[in-house]
Each structure stands twice: as structure tokens, then as C-alpha cells.
Amino acid sequence: MTAVIEREQLTERDLDQAKACRELVQKGSVLAAILDGIIDDNVLVVRKDEELSPAQAAEILGVSRPYVTRLLKSGLLESHMVGSHHRITVLALRTYMANRDAGRKEYAHAINSRAKDIADAVDEVAPVSETSRNRMRDLVAEHRREAIKASSAAVSPAE
């Protein structure tokens, strides 16, 4: 049997007890992570053989249910049918998440590698001294600070 406990069901006393238990549990343990999640309202505990609906998978992934449906149709996320409903195993969801994270890392590495290749090519064609490079970096940083300040001023209410 799976128990679903919504945050609204937890009383202040429940949270105080979770905090008291947390102090007794060894840091870095799975139980400590669960208690931290309960306290911070960001934990979902499921059995590894549990089957999830697309709506539940969407909540875990932090995406919309229609997006999960597209993942299912494309084959990126495995599921099986129970009657006319898709069911996703926790293992299939974890596999998808691991593949997604690996793809993100690979993409970030490719972008960084490409940026370095471009910088090296520019340096080959038009070398820049270290002093000029630092000056340009400072100008870009100053421009960013001014842009952030300007956007903050635009968001702040007028006095």
C-alpha cells in the first residue's frame, strides 16, 4: 500500500517532530534526505516497483502532463498500457532522468568546447594581449552589472 501525504496534511507538530528526528539521524543518510525533504517540502518517496501515471511523472519531472505524453509517444520515456492508460515504472522514469541529465552535460560540454574553439581561432587570426583581454572582460562585467541594475530599477515600484 502506498501512502500519499500532501504538505497541507502536515501540522506544525508533525514538522517539529521531523526536525527533532532529523537531529538524531546521521548526516548524509537516506533517512536524513527524506526528513530534509519533508521539512523543505520537496520529497516524494516511492517504491522502485511502483507504477506512475503520466500526471504523477510530470509532477516529479517538473513538466506538464502533455509534455510527458509527447515523451511517451516519441519513445524517450518507456511505458506500458493498463487498459487505455499509460503507466510508467519508477525505473523507466529514473532511466529517462539519467539519460536527460547525461544529455544536458554533453550539450554543455559541446557548447563550452565550441566557445573555446572559436576563441582559439580568433586569437590565431587577431591575437589580443592579456591586458586587452582583461580590459574587455572588465567592460563586459561592468555592462552586465549596469544591465542588472537597470532591470532591478524597472521592476522596483516608483517612490
C-alpha atoms as a PDB file:
ATOM      1  CA  MET A   1       0.000   0.000   0.000  1.00  0.00           C
ATOM      2  CA  THR A   2       1.288   3.457  -0.901  1.00  0.00           C
ATOM      3  CA  ALA A   3       0.575   6.400   1.343  1.00  0.00           C
ATOM      4  CA  VAL A   4       0.262   9.807  -0.251  1.00  0.00           C
ATOM      5  CA  ILE A   5       0.710  12.662   2.173  1.00  0.00           C
ATOM      6  CA  GLU A   6       0.109  16.188   0.974  1.00  0.00           C
ATOM      7  CA  ARG A   7       2.028  19.051   2.615  1.00  0.00           C
ATOM      8  CA  GLU A   8      -1.264  20.572   3.795  1.00  0.00           C
ATOM      9  CA  GLN A   9      -1.846  17.459   5.908  1.00  0.00           C
ATOM     10  CA  LEU A  10       1.303  18.042   7.951  1.00  0.00           C
ATOM     11  CA  THR A  11       0.767  20.017  11.123  1.00  0.00           C
ATOM     12  CA  GLU A  12       3.343  22.216  12.827  1.00  0.00           C
ATOM     13  CA  ARG A  13       3.707  19.422  15.396  1.00  0.00           C
ATOM     14  CA  ASP A  14       4.499  16.948  12.588  1.00  0.00           C
ATOM     15  CA  LEU A  15       7.172  19.277  11.199  1.00  0.00           C
ATOM     16  CA  ASP A  16       8.629  19.831  14.673  1.00  0.00           C
ATOM     17  CA  GLN A  17       8.842  16.059  15.159  1.00  0.00           C
ATOM     18  CA  ALA A  18      10.511  15.667  11.747  1.00  0.00           C
ATOM     19  CA  LYS A  19      13.050  18.333  12.742  1.00  0.00           C
ATOM     20  CA  ALA A  20      13.686  16.595  16.075  1.00  0.00           C
ATOM     21  CA  CYS A  21      14.181  13.249  14.302  1.00  0.00           C
ATOM     22  CA  ARG A  22      16.467  14.910  11.757  1.00  0.00           C
ATOM     23  CA  GLU A  23      18.829  15.976  14.535  1.00  0.00           C
ATOM     24  CA  LEU A  24      19.142  12.325  15.651  1.00  0.00           C
ATOM     25  CA  VAL A  25      19.807  10.894  12.186  1.00  0.00           C
ATOM     26  CA  GLN A  26      23.287  10.658  10.692  1.00  0.00           C
ATOM     27  CA  LYS A  27      24.068  13.323   8.080  1.00  0.00           C
ATOM     28  CA  GLY A  28      24.194  12.029   4.519  1.00  0.00           C
ATOM     29  CA  SER A  29      21.944   9.044   5.179  1.00  0.00           C
ATOM     30  CA  VAL A  30      18.873   8.284   3.091  1.00  0.00           C
ATOM     31  CA  LEU A  31      16.640   8.849   6.098  1.00  0.00           C
ATOM     32  CA  ALA A  32      18.245  12.267   6.634  1.00  0.00           C
ATOM     33  CA  ALA A  33      17.490  13.146   2.998  1.00  0.00           C
ATOM     34  CA  ILE A  34      13.868  12.060   3.424  1.00  0.00           C
ATOM     35  CA  LEU A  35      13.459  14.094   6.602  1.00  0.00           C
ATOM     36  CA  ASP A  36      15.101  17.110   4.938  1.00  0.00           C
ATOM     37  CA  GLY A  37      12.652  16.710   2.056  1.00  0.00           C
ATOM     38  CA  ILE A  38       9.680  16.588   4.407  1.00  0.00           C
ATOM     39  CA  ILE A  39      10.903  19.674   6.248  1.00  0.00           C
ATOM     40  CA  ASP A  40      11.672  21.571   2.999  1.00  0.00           C
ATOM     41  CA  ASP A  41       8.553  20.258   1.185  1.00  0.00           C
ATOM     42  CA  ASN A  42      10.432  18.648  -1.702  1.00  0.00           C
ATOM     43  CA  VAL A  43      10.342  14.897  -1.231  1.00  0.00           C
ATOM     44  CA  LEU A  44       8.406  12.114  -2.857  1.00  0.00           C
ATOM     45  CA  VAL A  45       9.051   8.583  -1.647  1.00  0.00           C
ATOM     46  CA  VAL A  46       8.039   5.769  -3.985  1.00  0.00           C
ATOM     47  CA  ARG A  47       8.832   2.075  -4.222  1.00  0.00           C
ATOM     48  CA  LYS A  48      11.108   1.114  -7.098  1.00  0.00           C
ATOM     49  CA  ASP A  49       8.437  -1.220  -8.489  1.00  0.00           C
ATOM     50  CA  GLU A  50       5.729   1.468  -8.318  1.00  0.00           C
ATOM     51  CA  GLU A  51       3.904   2.482 -11.474  1.00  0.00           C
ATOM     52  CA  LEU A  52       3.102   6.130 -12.098  1.00  0.00           C
ATOM     53  CA  SER A  53       0.530   7.889 -14.221  1.00  0.00           C
ATOM     54  CA  PRO A  54       1.714  10.497 -16.744  1.00  0.00           C
ATOM     55  CA  ALA A  55       0.412  13.201 -14.378  1.00  0.00           C
ATOM     56  CA  GLN A  56       2.494  11.830 -11.490  1.00  0.00           C
ATOM     57  CA  ALA A  57       5.569  11.523 -13.733  1.00  0.00           C
ATOM     58  CA  ALA A  58       5.034  15.109 -14.898  1.00  0.00           C
ATOM     59  CA  GLU A  59       4.944  16.313 -11.300  1.00  0.00           C
ATOM     60  CA  ILE A  60       8.196  14.513 -10.498  1.00  0.00           C
ATOM     61  CA  LEU A  61       9.894  15.848 -13.643  1.00  0.00           C
ATOM     62  CA  GLY A  62       8.514  19.349 -13.136  1.00  0.00           C
ATOM     63  CA  VAL A  63       6.915  19.440 -16.580  1.00  0.00           C
ATOM     64  CA  SER A  64       3.377  19.367 -17.938  1.00  0.00           C
ATOM     65  CA  ARG A  65       1.379  16.174 -18.453  1.00  0.00           C
ATOM     66  CA  PRO A  66       1.101  16.834 -22.229  1.00  0.00           C
ATOM     67  CA  TYR A  67       4.905  17.043 -22.377  1.00  0.00           C
ATOM     68  CA  VAL A  68       5.159  13.628 -20.687  1.00  0.00           C
ATOM     69  CA  THR A  69       2.630  12.313 -23.222  1.00  0.00           C
ATOM     70  CA  ARG A  70       4.902  13.558 -26.040  1.00  0.00           C
ATOM     71  CA  LEU A  71       7.873  11.817 -24.375  1.00  0.00           C
ATOM     72  CA  LEU A  72       5.855   8.601 -24.260  1.00  0.00           C
ATOM     73  CA  LYS A  73       4.791   8.850 -27.915  1.00  0.00           C
ATOM     74  CA  SER A  74       8.366   9.591 -29.033  1.00  0.00           C
ATOM     75  CA  GLY A  75       9.701   6.588 -27.109  1.00  0.00           C
ATOM     76  CA  LEU A  76      12.058   8.682 -24.959  1.00  0.00           C
ATOM     77  CA  LEU A  77      10.132   7.582 -21.869  1.00  0.00           C
ATOM     78  CA  GLU A  78       9.038   3.951 -21.689  1.00  0.00           C
ATOM     79  CA  SER A  79       5.606   2.950 -20.509  1.00  0.00           C
ATOM     80  CA  HIS A  80       3.073   0.176 -20.799  1.00  0.00           C
ATOM     81  CA  MET A  81      -0.674   0.280 -21.110  1.00  0.00           C
ATOM     82  CA  VAL A  82      -3.131  -0.689 -18.400  1.00  0.00           C
ATOM     83  CA  GLY A  83      -6.408  -0.655 -20.236  1.00  0.00           C
ATOM     84  CA  SER A  84      -6.339   2.646 -22.072  1.00  0.00           C
ATOM     85  CA  HIS A  85      -3.962   4.332 -19.604  1.00  0.00           C
ATOM     86  CA  HIS A  86      -0.188   4.708 -19.751  1.00  0.00           C
ATOM     87  CA  ARG A  87       1.762   3.510 -16.715  1.00  0.00           C
ATOM     88  CA  ILE A  88       5.408   4.421 -16.190  1.00  0.00           C
ATOM     89  CA  THR A  89       7.632   2.423 -13.872  1.00  0.00           C
ATOM     90  CA  VAL A  90       9.868   4.285 -11.445  1.00  0.00           C
ATOM     91  CA  LEU A  91      12.826   2.528 -13.100  1.00  0.00           C
ATOM     92  CA  ALA A  92      11.800   3.855 -16.542  1.00  0.00           C
ATOM     93  CA  LEU A  93      11.436   7.367 -15.107  1.00  0.00           C
ATOM     94  CA  ARG A  94      14.842   7.173 -13.418  1.00  0.00           C
ATOM     95  CA  THR A  95      16.403   5.908 -16.664  1.00  0.00           C
ATOM     96  CA  TYR A  96      14.857   8.813 -18.585  1.00  0.00           C
ATOM     97  CA  MET A  97      16.109  11.296 -15.968  1.00  0.00           C
ATOM     98  CA  ALA A  98      19.638   9.844 -16.074  1.00  0.00           C
ATOM     99  CA  ASN A  99      19.689   9.997 -19.900  1.00  0.00           C
ATOM    100  CA  ARG A 100      18.321  13.563 -19.827  1.00  0.00           C
ATOM    101  CA  ASP A 101      20.977  14.671 -17.326  1.00  0.00           C
ATOM    102  CA  ALA A 102      23.750  12.974 -19.322  1.00  0.00           C
ATOM    103  CA  GLY A 103      22.490  14.686 -22.486  1.00  0.00           C
ATOM    104  CA  ARG A 104      22.490  18.066 -20.738  1.00  0.00           C
ATOM    105  CA  LYS A 105      26.078  17.565 -19.568  1.00  0.00           C
ATOM    106  CA  GLU A 106      27.157  16.507 -23.062  1.00  0.00           C
ATOM    107  CA  TYR A 107      25.414  19.533 -24.601  1.00  0.00           C
ATOM    108  CA  ALA A 108      27.018  21.923 -22.092  1.00  0.00           C
ATOM    109  CA  HIS A 109      30.415  20.384 -22.772  1.00  0.00           C
ATOM    110  CA  ALA A 110      29.897  20.745 -26.535  1.00  0.00           C
ATOM    111  CA  ILE A 111      28.923  24.408 -26.162  1.00  0.00           C
ATOM    112  CA  ASN A 112      31.926  25.141 -23.948  1.00  0.00           C
ATOM    113  CA  SER A 113      34.212  23.271 -26.308  1.00  0.00           C
ATOM    114  CA  ARG A 114      32.823  25.185 -29.291  1.00  0.00           C
ATOM    115  CA  ALA A 115      33.269  28.516 -27.485  1.00  0.00           C
ATOM    116  CA  LYS A 116      36.908  27.615 -26.745  1.00  0.00           C
ATOM    117  CA  ASP A 117      37.457  26.610 -30.384  1.00  0.00           C
ATOM    118  CA  ILE A 118      36.057  29.975 -31.537  1.00  0.00           C
ATOM    119  CA  ALA A 119      38.164  31.885 -29.009  1.00  0.00           C
ATOM    120  CA  ASP A 120      41.291  29.989 -30.132  1.00  0.00           C
ATOM    121  CA  ALA A 121      40.509  30.719 -33.803  1.00  0.00           C
ATOM    122  CA  VAL A 122      40.011  34.425 -33.076  1.00  0.00           C
ATOM    123  CA  ASP A 123      43.274  34.531 -31.106  1.00  0.00           C
ATOM    124  CA  GLU A 124      45.021  32.897 -34.056  1.00  0.00           C
ATOM    125  CA  VAL A 125      43.716  35.489 -36.532  1.00  0.00           C
ATOM    126  CA  ALA A 126      43.827  38.546 -34.283  1.00  0.00           C
ATOM    127  CA  PRO A 127      45.827  37.900 -31.129  1.00  0.00           C
ATOM    128  CA  VAL A 128      44.880  40.002 -28.112  1.00  0.00           C
ATOM    129  CA  SER A 129      47.257  40.868 -25.302  1.00  0.00           C
ATOM    130  CA  GLU A 130      46.434  39.726 -21.780  1.00  0.00           C
ATOM    131  CA  THR A 131      45.938  43.379 -20.756  1.00  0.00           C
ATOM    132  CA  SER A 132      43.407  43.954 -23.556  1.00  0.00           C
ATOM    133  CA  ARG A 133      41.627  40.699 -22.746  1.00  0.00           C
ATOM    134  CA  ASN A 134      41.306  41.710 -19.073  1.00  0.00           C
ATOM    135  CA  ARG A 135      40.078  45.170 -20.056  1.00  0.00           C
ATOM    136  CA  MET A 136      37.407  43.632 -22.312  1.00  0.00           C
ATOM    137  CA  ARG A 137      36.378  41.215 -19.551  1.00  0.00           C
ATOM    138  CA  ASP A 138      36.035  44.146 -17.116  1.00  0.00           C
ATOM    139  CA  LEU A 139      33.944  46.120 -19.629  1.00  0.00           C
ATOM    140  CA  VAL A 140      31.614  43.160 -20.163  1.00  0.00           C
ATOM    141  CA  ALA A 141      31.265  42.633 -16.392  1.00  0.00           C
ATOM    142  CA  GLU A 142      30.513  46.341 -15.895  1.00  0.00           C
ATOM    143  CA  HIS A 143      27.930  46.263 -18.683  1.00  0.00           C
ATOM    144  CA  ARG A 144      26.240  43.246 -17.046  1.00  0.00           C
ATOM    145  CA  ARG A 145      26.142  44.981 -13.657  1.00  0.00           C
ATOM    146  CA  GLU A 146      24.562  48.070 -15.241  1.00  0.00           C
ATOM    147  CA  ALA A 147      22.001  45.936 -17.069  1.00  0.00           C
ATOM    148  CA  ILE A 148      21.080  44.137 -13.841  1.00  0.00           C
ATOM    149  CA  LYS A 149      20.814  47.465 -12.007  1.00  0.00           C
ATOM    150  CA  ALA A 150      18.609  48.891 -14.787  1.00  0.00           C
ATOM    151  CA  SER A 151      16.333  45.833 -14.805  1.00  0.00           C
ATOM    152  CA  SER A 152      16.063  45.964 -10.993  1.00  0.00           C
ATOM    153  CA  ALA A 153      15.109  49.624 -11.157  1.00  0.00           C
ATOM    154  CA  ALA A 154      12.454  48.865 -13.773  1.00  0.00           C
ATOM    155  CA  VAL A 155      10.929  46.156 -11.551  1.00  0.00           C
ATOM    156  CA  SER A 156      11.045  48.185  -8.300  1.00  0.00           C
ATOM    157  CA  PRO A 157       7.977  50.275  -7.525  1.00  0.00           C
ATOM    158  CA  ALA A 158       8.362  54.010  -8.072  1.00  0.00           C
ATOM    159  CA  GLU A 159       8.878  56.039  -4.951  1.00  0.00           C
END
